[in-house]
Amino acid sequence: MRKIIESTFVTLNGSISNPQDWSGPYWDEDHFGYSGKLMESTEALLLGRRTYEGFAEAWSSRDGEMADTFNSMPKYVASTTLTETTWNAKLLEGDAVEALRKLKAEDGGDLLKFGTGSFSKTLLEHKLVDEYHFWVFPVLADGDQLFAESEIGINHLELLGTTTFKSGIVVHKLAPKA
């Protein structure tokens, strides 16, 4: 059975908007090393529409070892508005929750989910995420807040580990408590 792992960049004040504007100065060897380890067990990426569109635009023209791996990896996209995809991606057909339950039940590597928005809330509500990696950046920024205005109730998480980078990023690795 596969795991769904959510990897999310967030500021100290909880903003998840436009990480491309505030995360760059903190990317270093620690960042790339941790990202590489996350990718080792990943068989496919899981993306919502907005993250898919942004990533496809940003990554499809890059090359190099990390970019080549990222670009060639299969991608599953949850969207009610897209009718076709590029960048080695397939739309989740029908009900996204049911499609993901089927994907999780298959043999294979992990499904790594990037971005946090309405799709993440759906995954949380249906208890489909097995592990969270919240990358807390030492920056304050305006924008949408992590899980703001959602009716997710109370979801207790168990700390699996914490990784601190020299740049000030702290990654909290958590799993839903049983």
N, C-alpha and C. Protein backbone atom coordinates (compact mmCIF):
# COMPACT_ATOMS: atom_id res chain seq x y z
N MET A 1 0.85 -1.18 0.00
CA MET A 1 0.00 0.00 0.00
C MET A 1 0.89 1.24 0.00
N ARG A 2 0.54 2.18 -0.83
CA ARG A 2 1.30 3.42 -0.94
C ARG A 2 0.93 4.40 0.16
N LYS A 3 1.85 5.34 0.40
CA LYS A 3 1.57 6.44 1.33
C LYS A 3 1.39 7.72 0.53
N ILE A 4 0.53 8.59 1.04
CA ILE A 4 0.46 9.96 0.53
C ILE A 4 1.21 10.83 1.53
N ILE A 5 2.22 11.54 1.01
CA ILE A 5 3.04 12.43 1.83
C ILE A 5 2.82 13.84 1.33
N GLU A 6 2.42 14.72 2.23
CA GLU A 6 2.24 16.14 1.87
C GLU A 6 3.47 16.92 2.31
N SER A 7 4.03 17.69 1.38
CA SER A 7 5.19 18.52 1.64
C SER A 7 4.79 19.97 1.37
N THR A 8 4.80 20.80 2.41
CA THR A 8 4.26 22.15 2.31
C THR A 8 5.23 23.18 2.88
N PHE A 9 5.45 24.23 2.11
CA PHE A 9 6.23 25.39 2.57
C PHE A 9 5.29 26.36 3.26
N VAL A 10 5.69 26.85 4.44
CA VAL A 10 4.85 27.78 5.19
C VAL A 10 5.75 28.79 5.91
N THR A 11 5.30 30.02 6.02
CA THR A 11 6.05 31.05 6.74
C THR A 11 5.76 30.95 8.23
N LEU A 12 6.51 31.70 9.02
CA LEU A 12 6.28 31.71 10.47
C LEU A 12 4.87 32.16 10.84
N ASN A 13 4.28 33.04 10.03
CA ASN A 13 2.94 33.50 10.33
C ASN A 13 1.87 32.70 9.58
N GLY A 14 2.25 31.53 9.03
CA GLY A 14 1.28 30.61 8.46
C GLY A 14 0.92 30.83 7.01
N SER A 15 1.60 31.73 6.31
CA SER A 15 1.28 31.99 4.91
C SER A 15 1.80 30.87 4.02
N ILE A 16 0.98 30.49 3.06
CA ILE A 16 1.37 29.48 2.08
C ILE A 16 1.38 30.06 0.66
N SER A 17 1.03 31.33 0.54
CA SER A 17 0.93 31.96 -0.78
C SER A 17 2.29 32.31 -1.35
N ASN A 18 2.45 32.06 -2.63
CA ASN A 18 3.60 32.48 -3.40
C ASN A 18 4.95 32.12 -2.79
N PRO A 19 5.18 30.86 -2.46
CA PRO A 19 6.48 30.50 -1.88
C PRO A 19 7.65 30.81 -2.81
N GLN A 20 7.38 30.91 -4.11
CA GLN A 20 8.45 31.26 -5.04
C GLN A 20 8.99 32.66 -4.75
N ASP A 21 8.22 33.49 -4.06
CA ASP A 21 8.65 34.85 -3.75
C ASP A 21 9.48 34.94 -2.47
N TRP A 22 9.32 34.00 -1.54
CA TRP A 22 9.99 34.12 -0.25
C TRP A 22 10.89 32.94 0.15
N SER A 23 10.79 31.81 -0.55
CA SER A 23 11.56 30.64 -0.12
C SER A 23 12.99 30.58 -0.68
N GLY A 24 13.20 31.15 -1.84
CA GLY A 24 14.48 31.05 -2.54
C GLY A 24 15.73 31.36 -1.73
N PRO A 25 15.75 32.45 -0.94
CA PRO A 25 16.97 32.77 -0.20
C PRO A 25 17.40 31.70 0.81
N TYR A 26 16.51 30.76 1.12
CA TYR A 26 16.80 29.75 2.14
C TYR A 26 17.20 28.40 1.56
N TRP A 27 17.16 28.29 0.24
CA TRP A 27 17.50 27.02 -0.39
C TRP A 27 19.02 26.84 -0.34
N ASP A 28 19.44 25.74 0.22
CA ASP A 28 20.87 25.45 0.33
C ASP A 28 21.06 23.94 0.23
N GLU A 29 22.26 23.47 0.53
CA GLU A 29 22.54 22.03 0.45
C GLU A 29 21.63 21.21 1.35
N ASP A 30 21.32 21.73 2.55
CA ASP A 30 20.41 21.03 3.46
C ASP A 30 19.04 20.84 2.80
N HIS A 31 18.55 21.93 2.21
CA HIS A 31 17.24 21.92 1.54
C HIS A 31 17.22 20.87 0.43
N PHE A 32 18.23 20.92 -0.44
CA PHE A 32 18.27 20.00 -1.57
C PHE A 32 18.47 18.55 -1.11
N GLY A 33 19.25 18.37 -0.05
CA GLY A 33 19.46 17.02 0.49
C GLY A 33 18.17 16.43 1.02
N TYR A 34 17.40 17.23 1.78
CA TYR A 34 16.13 16.76 2.34
C TYR A 34 15.14 16.47 1.21
N SER A 35 15.09 17.37 0.24
CA SER A 35 14.19 17.17 -0.91
C SER A 35 14.54 15.89 -1.65
N GLY A 36 15.83 15.65 -1.84
CA GLY A 36 16.27 14.45 -2.52
C GLY A 36 15.86 13.19 -1.78
N LYS A 37 15.97 13.21 -0.44
CA LYS A 37 15.56 12.05 0.35
C LYS A 37 14.06 11.79 0.22
N LEU A 38 13.27 12.88 0.18
CA LEU A 38 11.82 12.73 0.00
C LEU A 38 11.50 12.07 -1.34
N MET A 39 12.28 12.43 -2.35
CA MET A 39 12.04 11.91 -3.70
C MET A 39 12.44 10.44 -3.85
N GLU A 40 13.34 9.94 -2.99
CA GLU A 40 13.83 8.57 -3.12
C GLU A 40 12.73 7.52 -3.07
N SER A 41 11.75 7.72 -2.19
CA SER A 41 10.67 6.73 -2.07
C SER A 41 9.43 7.12 -2.88
N THR A 42 9.53 8.22 -3.62
CA THR A 42 8.39 8.73 -4.36
C THR A 42 8.32 8.12 -5.75
N GLU A 43 7.15 7.61 -6.09
CA GLU A 43 6.93 7.05 -7.42
C GLU A 43 6.21 8.05 -8.32
N ALA A 44 5.36 8.89 -7.72
CA ALA A 44 4.58 9.84 -8.51
C ALA A 44 4.26 11.06 -7.66
N LEU A 45 4.01 12.17 -8.35
CA LEU A 45 3.61 13.40 -7.68
C LEU A 45 2.10 13.52 -7.72
N LEU A 46 1.56 14.12 -6.69
CA LEU A 46 0.13 14.35 -6.56
C LEU A 46 -0.05 15.86 -6.42
N LEU A 47 -0.79 16.47 -7.34
CA LEU A 47 -0.89 17.93 -7.39
C LEU A 47 -2.32 18.38 -7.61
N GLY A 48 -2.66 19.51 -6.99
CA GLY A 48 -3.90 20.19 -7.32
C GLY A 48 -3.66 21.00 -8.59
N ARG A 49 -4.72 21.54 -9.15
CA ARG A 49 -4.61 22.25 -10.43
C ARG A 49 -3.64 23.42 -10.39
N ARG A 50 -3.76 24.29 -9.39
CA ARG A 50 -2.91 25.48 -9.35
C ARG A 50 -1.44 25.13 -9.19
N THR A 51 -1.14 24.17 -8.33
CA THR A 51 0.25 23.75 -8.15
C THR A 51 0.77 23.09 -9.42
N TYR A 52 -0.05 22.25 -10.03
CA TYR A 52 0.34 21.60 -11.28
C TYR A 52 0.69 22.64 -12.34
N GLU A 53 -0.17 23.63 -12.53
CA GLU A 53 0.08 24.63 -13.56
C GLU A 53 1.36 25.43 -13.27
N GLY A 54 1.56 25.81 -12.02
CA GLY A 54 2.76 26.55 -11.65
C GLY A 54 4.02 25.72 -11.80
N PHE A 55 3.97 24.47 -11.34
CA PHE A 55 5.14 23.59 -11.44
C PHE A 55 5.46 23.28 -12.90
N ALA A 56 4.43 22.99 -13.71
CA ALA A 56 4.66 22.66 -15.13
C ALA A 56 5.36 23.82 -15.83
N GLU A 57 4.93 25.03 -15.53
CA GLU A 57 5.55 26.21 -16.14
C GLU A 57 6.99 26.38 -15.66
N ALA A 58 7.22 26.19 -14.37
CA ALA A 58 8.54 26.44 -13.80
C ALA A 58 9.54 25.32 -14.09
N TRP A 59 9.11 24.06 -14.07
CA TRP A 59 10.04 22.95 -14.14
C TRP A 59 10.23 22.35 -15.52
N SER A 60 9.25 22.44 -16.39
CA SER A 60 9.33 21.72 -17.67
C SER A 60 10.48 22.17 -18.54
N SER A 61 10.97 23.38 -18.37
CA SER A 61 12.08 23.86 -19.20
C SER A 61 13.44 23.70 -18.52
N ARG A 62 13.45 23.18 -17.30
CA ARG A 62 14.72 22.99 -16.57
C ARG A 62 15.32 21.63 -16.91
N ASP A 63 16.63 21.55 -16.71
CA ASP A 63 17.30 20.26 -16.85
C ASP A 63 18.33 20.12 -15.75
N GLY A 64 18.96 18.99 -15.69
CA GLY A 64 19.86 18.66 -14.60
C GLY A 64 19.28 17.48 -13.85
N GLU A 65 20.07 16.87 -12.99
CA GLU A 65 19.67 15.63 -12.34
C GLU A 65 18.33 15.74 -11.61
N MET A 66 18.19 16.74 -10.73
CA MET A 66 16.94 16.90 -9.97
C MET A 66 15.76 17.23 -10.91
N ALA A 67 15.97 18.16 -11.83
CA ALA A 67 14.90 18.55 -12.75
C ALA A 67 14.50 17.38 -13.66
N ASP A 68 15.48 16.62 -14.13
CA ASP A 68 15.17 15.48 -14.99
C ASP A 68 14.31 14.45 -14.26
N THR A 69 14.66 14.19 -13.00
CA THR A 69 13.88 13.25 -12.19
C THR A 69 12.46 13.79 -12.00
N PHE A 70 12.37 15.06 -11.63
CA PHE A 70 11.08 15.70 -11.37
C PHE A 70 10.21 15.71 -12.62
N ASN A 71 10.80 16.05 -13.76
CA ASN A 71 10.05 16.15 -15.00
C ASN A 71 9.58 14.79 -15.51
N SER A 72 10.39 13.75 -15.34
CA SER A 72 10.03 12.44 -15.87
C SER A 72 9.08 11.66 -14.96
N MET A 73 8.98 12.07 -13.70
CA MET A 73 8.14 11.37 -12.74
C MET A 73 6.65 11.50 -13.13
N PRO A 74 5.88 10.41 -13.04
CA PRO A 74 4.44 10.51 -13.30
C PRO A 74 3.79 11.48 -12.31
N LYS A 75 2.73 12.15 -12.78
CA LYS A 75 2.01 13.10 -11.95
C LYS A 75 0.52 12.84 -12.06
N TYR A 76 -0.16 12.96 -10.93
CA TYR A 76 -1.62 12.85 -10.88
C TYR A 76 -2.16 14.20 -10.46
N VAL A 77 -3.13 14.70 -11.21
CA VAL A 77 -3.65 16.04 -10.97
C VAL A 77 -5.13 15.97 -10.62
N ALA A 78 -5.48 16.63 -9.51
CA ALA A 78 -6.88 16.75 -9.11
C ALA A 78 -7.41 18.08 -9.62
N SER A 79 -8.42 18.03 -10.45
CA SER A 79 -9.01 19.27 -10.98
C SER A 79 -10.41 19.00 -11.48
N THR A 80 -11.27 19.97 -11.26
CA THR A 80 -12.63 19.88 -11.83
C THR A 80 -12.74 20.78 -13.06
N THR A 81 -11.66 21.51 -13.39
CA THR A 81 -11.72 22.44 -14.51
C THR A 81 -10.81 22.07 -15.68
N LEU A 82 -9.70 21.38 -15.42
CA LEU A 82 -8.81 20.98 -16.51
C LEU A 82 -9.43 19.84 -17.31
N THR A 83 -9.21 19.86 -18.61
CA THR A 83 -9.69 18.77 -19.45
C THR A 83 -8.54 17.96 -20.04
N GLU A 84 -7.34 18.54 -20.03
CA GLU A 84 -6.17 17.82 -20.52
C GLU A 84 -4.93 18.29 -19.78
N THR A 85 -3.90 17.46 -19.83
CA THR A 85 -2.65 17.78 -19.14
C THR A 85 -1.47 17.54 -20.08
N THR A 86 -0.34 18.07 -19.67
CA THR A 86 0.94 17.82 -20.33
C THR A 86 1.90 17.44 -19.21
N TRP A 87 3.18 17.52 -19.44
CA TRP A 87 4.22 17.37 -18.41
C TRP A 87 4.09 16.03 -17.68
N ASN A 88 3.83 14.97 -18.45
CA ASN A 88 3.79 13.62 -17.90
C ASN A 88 2.75 13.48 -16.78
N ALA A 89 1.59 14.09 -16.99
CA ALA A 89 0.55 14.12 -15.96
C ALA A 89 -0.75 13.50 -16.47
N LYS A 90 -1.51 12.94 -15.52
CA LYS A 90 -2.83 12.41 -15.80
C LYS A 90 -3.81 13.02 -14.81
N LEU A 91 -5.00 13.33 -15.30
CA LEU A 91 -6.06 13.81 -14.41
C LEU A 91 -6.61 12.65 -13.60
N LEU A 92 -6.90 12.91 -12.32
CA LEU A 92 -7.61 11.92 -11.51
C LEU A 92 -9.04 11.90 -12.02
N GLU A 93 -9.49 10.76 -12.46
CA GLU A 93 -10.82 10.68 -13.06
C GLU A 93 -11.89 10.43 -12.03
N GLY A 94 -13.06 11.03 -12.27
CA GLY A 94 -14.19 10.86 -11.36
C GLY A 94 -13.95 11.58 -10.05
N ASP A 95 -14.45 10.99 -8.99
CA ASP A 95 -14.30 11.56 -7.66
C ASP A 95 -12.84 11.42 -7.22
N ALA A 96 -12.19 12.54 -6.90
CA ALA A 96 -10.76 12.54 -6.54
C ALA A 96 -10.49 11.67 -5.31
N VAL A 97 -11.37 11.72 -4.34
CA VAL A 97 -11.17 10.94 -3.12
C VAL A 97 -11.17 9.44 -3.44
N GLU A 98 -12.13 8.99 -4.23
CA GLU A 98 -12.18 7.57 -4.60
C GLU A 98 -10.99 7.19 -5.47
N ALA A 99 -10.60 8.06 -6.39
CA ALA A 99 -9.45 7.79 -7.25
C ALA A 99 -8.18 7.64 -6.40
N LEU A 100 -8.05 8.47 -5.38
CA LEU A 100 -6.87 8.39 -4.51
C LEU A 100 -6.89 7.15 -3.63
N ARG A 101 -8.04 6.77 -3.17
CA ARG A 101 -8.13 5.53 -2.39
C ARG A 101 -7.65 4.34 -3.22
N LYS A 102 -8.02 4.32 -4.50
CA LYS A 102 -7.58 3.25 -5.39
C LYS A 102 -6.07 3.32 -5.61
N LEU A 103 -5.54 4.52 -5.84
CA LEU A 103 -4.10 4.68 -6.04
C LEU A 103 -3.32 4.24 -4.81
N LYS A 104 -3.81 4.61 -3.63
CA LYS A 104 -3.13 4.23 -2.39
C LYS A 104 -3.13 2.71 -2.20
N ALA A 105 -4.17 2.05 -2.64
CA ALA A 105 -4.28 0.61 -2.46
C ALA A 105 -3.35 -0.17 -3.38
N GLU A 106 -2.87 0.46 -4.43
CA GLU A 106 -1.97 -0.21 -5.37
C GLU A 106 -0.59 -0.39 -4.76
N ASP A 107 0.13 -1.35 -5.28
CA ASP A 107 1.53 -1.51 -4.91
C ASP A 107 2.32 -0.41 -5.58
N GLY A 108 3.40 0.01 -4.94
CA GLY A 108 4.27 1.01 -5.55
C GLY A 108 4.81 1.97 -4.52
N GLY A 109 5.55 2.94 -5.02
CA GLY A 109 6.17 3.94 -4.16
C GLY A 109 5.18 4.98 -3.69
N ASP A 110 5.69 5.88 -2.88
CA ASP A 110 4.86 6.92 -2.29
C ASP A 110 4.35 7.92 -3.33
N LEU A 111 3.26 8.60 -2.97
CA LEU A 111 2.71 9.70 -3.75
C LEU A 111 3.04 10.97 -2.97
N LEU A 112 3.84 11.84 -3.56
CA LEU A 112 4.27 13.06 -2.89
C LEU A 112 3.42 14.22 -3.36
N LYS A 113 2.76 14.87 -2.41
CA LYS A 113 1.84 15.98 -2.69
C LYS A 113 2.50 17.29 -2.32
N PHE A 114 2.55 18.20 -3.28
CA PHE A 114 3.06 19.55 -3.05
C PHE A 114 1.90 20.54 -3.11
N GLY A 115 2.07 21.69 -2.44
CA GLY A 115 1.07 22.75 -2.47
C GLY A 115 0.01 22.51 -1.43
N THR A 116 -0.59 23.59 -0.96
CA THR A 116 -1.63 23.47 0.04
C THR A 116 -2.79 24.39 -0.34
N GLY A 117 -3.92 23.82 -0.57
CA GLY A 117 -5.11 24.57 -0.93
C GLY A 117 -6.33 23.71 -0.69
N SER A 118 -7.33 23.89 -1.51
CA SER A 118 -8.58 23.16 -1.30
C SER A 118 -8.38 21.65 -1.43
N PHE A 119 -7.49 21.22 -2.31
CA PHE A 119 -7.22 19.79 -2.47
C PHE A 119 -6.63 19.21 -1.18
N SER A 120 -5.74 19.95 -0.54
CA SER A 120 -5.16 19.49 0.73
C SER A 120 -6.23 19.36 1.81
N LYS A 121 -7.15 20.30 1.83
CA LYS A 121 -8.24 20.24 2.81
C LYS A 121 -9.09 18.99 2.58
N THR A 122 -9.34 18.67 1.31
CA THR A 122 -10.10 17.47 0.98
C THR A 122 -9.37 16.22 1.46
N LEU A 123 -8.06 16.17 1.23
CA LEU A 123 -7.27 15.01 1.67
C LEU A 123 -7.32 14.88 3.19
N LEU A 124 -7.21 16.00 3.90
CA LEU A 124 -7.25 15.99 5.36
C LEU A 124 -8.63 15.54 5.85
N GLU A 125 -9.68 16.11 5.28
CA GLU A 125 -11.04 15.76 5.70
C GLU A 125 -11.32 14.27 5.54
N HIS A 126 -10.74 13.66 4.51
CA HIS A 126 -10.99 12.24 4.23
C HIS A 126 -9.89 11.33 4.76
N LYS A 127 -9.00 11.93 5.56
CA LYS A 127 -7.94 11.18 6.24
C LYS A 127 -7.10 10.35 5.28
N LEU A 128 -6.72 10.96 4.16
CA LEU A 128 -5.93 10.27 3.15
C LEU A 128 -4.43 10.52 3.26
N VAL A 129 -4.02 11.55 3.99
CA VAL A 129 -2.60 11.86 4.11
C VAL A 129 -2.00 10.99 5.23
N ASP A 130 -0.90 10.34 4.91
CA ASP A 130 -0.22 9.48 5.86
C ASP A 130 0.89 10.20 6.61
N GLU A 131 1.43 11.24 5.98
CA GLU A 131 2.57 11.94 6.56
C GLU A 131 2.60 13.37 6.04
N TYR A 132 2.90 14.30 6.94
CA TYR A 132 3.06 15.71 6.57
C TYR A 132 4.50 16.13 6.80
N HIS A 133 5.02 16.93 5.88
CA HIS A 133 6.32 17.58 6.06
C HIS A 133 6.05 19.07 5.91
N PHE A 134 5.93 19.76 7.04
CA PHE A 134 5.71 21.20 7.03
C PHE A 134 7.05 21.89 7.16
N TRP A 135 7.46 22.57 6.09
CA TRP A 135 8.72 23.30 6.03
C TRP A 135 8.44 24.71 6.52
N VAL A 136 8.83 25.03 7.73
CA VAL A 136 8.58 26.36 8.30
C VAL A 136 9.81 27.24 8.01
N PHE A 137 9.58 28.29 7.22
CA PHE A 137 10.65 29.20 6.80
C PHE A 137 10.71 30.40 7.74
N PRO A 138 11.91 30.89 8.04
CA PRO A 138 12.05 32.03 8.96
C PRO A 138 11.78 33.34 8.24
N VAL A 139 10.54 33.50 7.82
CA VAL A 139 10.12 34.69 7.09
C VAL A 139 8.65 34.95 7.40
N LEU A 140 8.26 36.20 7.36
CA LEU A 140 6.86 36.61 7.51
C LEU A 140 6.41 37.13 6.15
N ALA A 141 5.21 36.77 5.73
CA ALA A 141 4.72 37.21 4.42
C ALA A 141 3.20 37.24 4.42
N ASP A 142 2.66 38.15 3.62
CA ASP A 142 1.22 38.21 3.43
C ASP A 142 0.77 37.01 2.61
N GLY A 143 -0.49 36.67 2.74
CA GLY A 143 -1.04 35.62 1.90
C GLY A 143 -2.02 34.74 2.62
N ASP A 144 -2.50 33.76 1.89
CA ASP A 144 -3.44 32.79 2.44
C ASP A 144 -2.77 32.01 3.56
N GLN A 145 -3.54 31.74 4.59
CA GLN A 145 -3.02 31.02 5.75
C GLN A 145 -3.27 29.52 5.60
N LEU A 146 -2.37 28.73 6.14
CA LEU A 146 -2.47 27.28 6.10
C LEU A 146 -3.79 26.83 6.73
N PHE A 147 -4.61 26.15 5.98
CA PHE A 147 -5.91 25.62 6.40
C PHE A 147 -6.86 26.68 6.97
N ALA A 148 -6.72 27.93 6.53
CA ALA A 148 -7.62 28.98 6.99
C ALA A 148 -9.02 28.75 6.43
N GLU A 149 -9.99 29.21 7.18
CA GLU A 149 -11.39 29.16 6.76
C GLU A 149 -11.83 27.76 6.30
N SER A 150 -11.29 26.75 6.94
CA SER A 150 -11.73 25.41 6.60
C SER A 150 -12.41 24.80 7.82
N GLU A 151 -13.23 23.87 7.55
CA GLU A 151 -13.95 23.20 8.63
C GLU A 151 -13.38 21.80 8.78
N ILE A 152 -12.13 21.75 9.23
CA ILE A 152 -11.45 20.46 9.33
C ILE A 152 -11.59 19.83 10.70
N GLY A 153 -12.21 20.55 11.61
CA GLY A 153 -12.38 20.01 12.96
C GLY A 153 -11.04 19.96 13.67
N ILE A 154 -10.89 19.00 14.54
CA ILE A 154 -9.64 18.82 15.28
C ILE A 154 -8.95 17.58 14.75
N ASN A 155 -7.70 17.74 14.37
CA ASN A 155 -6.90 16.64 13.84
C ASN A 155 -5.58 16.61 14.58
N HIS A 156 -5.42 15.66 15.48
CA HIS A 156 -4.18 15.56 16.24
C HIS A 156 -3.13 14.86 15.40
N LEU A 157 -1.91 15.38 15.48
CA LEU A 157 -0.80 14.82 14.73
C LEU A 157 0.30 14.38 15.69
N GLU A 158 1.00 13.35 15.29
CA GLU A 158 2.12 12.83 16.07
C GLU A 158 3.41 13.28 15.42
N LEU A 159 4.33 13.84 16.21
CA LEU A 159 5.62 14.28 15.70
C LEU A 159 6.49 13.06 15.44
N LEU A 160 6.91 12.90 14.17
CA LEU A 160 7.78 11.79 13.79
C LEU A 160 9.24 12.22 13.79
N GLY A 161 9.46 13.53 13.67
CA GLY A 161 10.82 14.04 13.65
C GLY A 161 10.86 15.50 13.27
N THR A 162 11.97 16.13 13.59
CA THR A 162 12.19 17.54 13.24
C THR A 162 13.58 17.66 12.66
N THR A 163 13.69 18.38 11.55
CA THR A 163 14.97 18.63 10.92
C THR A 163 15.18 20.12 10.83
N THR A 164 16.32 20.58 11.32
CA THR A 164 16.64 22.01 11.31
C THR A 164 17.80 22.24 10.35
N PHE A 165 17.64 23.21 9.46
CA PHE A 165 18.69 23.56 8.50
C PHE A 165 19.43 24.80 9.00
N LYS A 166 20.68 24.95 8.56
CA LYS A 166 21.48 26.14 8.91
C LYS A 166 20.79 27.42 8.46
N SER A 167 20.01 27.35 7.40
CA SER A 167 19.33 28.53 6.85
C SER A 167 18.21 29.03 7.76
N GLY A 168 17.79 28.20 8.71
CA GLY A 168 16.69 28.56 9.60
C GLY A 168 15.40 27.82 9.31
N ILE A 169 15.33 27.08 8.21
CA ILE A 169 14.16 26.26 7.92
C ILE A 169 14.08 25.15 8.96
N VAL A 170 12.88 24.89 9.45
CA VAL A 170 12.65 23.75 10.32
C VAL A 170 11.54 22.92 9.68
N VAL A 171 11.83 21.65 9.43
CA VAL A 171 10.82 20.76 8.85
C VAL A 171 10.27 19.89 9.97
N HIS A 172 8.95 19.97 10.13
CA HIS A 172 8.26 19.13 11.10
C HIS A 172 7.63 17.98 10.31
N LYS A 173 8.05 16.77 10.64
CA LYS A 173 7.50 15.56 10.01
C LYS A 173 6.47 14.99 10.98
N LEU A 174 5.22 14.92 10.52
CA LEU A 174 4.10 14.52 11.38
C LEU A 174 3.23 13.48 10.69
N ALA A 175 2.50 12.73 11.49
CA ALA A 175 1.54 11.77 10.97
C ALA A 175 0.26 11.90 11.78
N PRO A 176 -0.88 11.60 11.16
CA PRO A 176 -2.13 11.61 11.93
C PRO A 176 -2.05 10.61 13.06
N LYS A 177 -2.56 11.02 14.23
CA LYS A 177 -2.62 10.09 15.36
C LYS A 177 -3.77 9.13 15.12
N ALA A 178 -3.51 7.90 15.46
CA ALA A 178 -4.54 6.86 15.26
C ALA A 178 -5.67 7.01 16.25
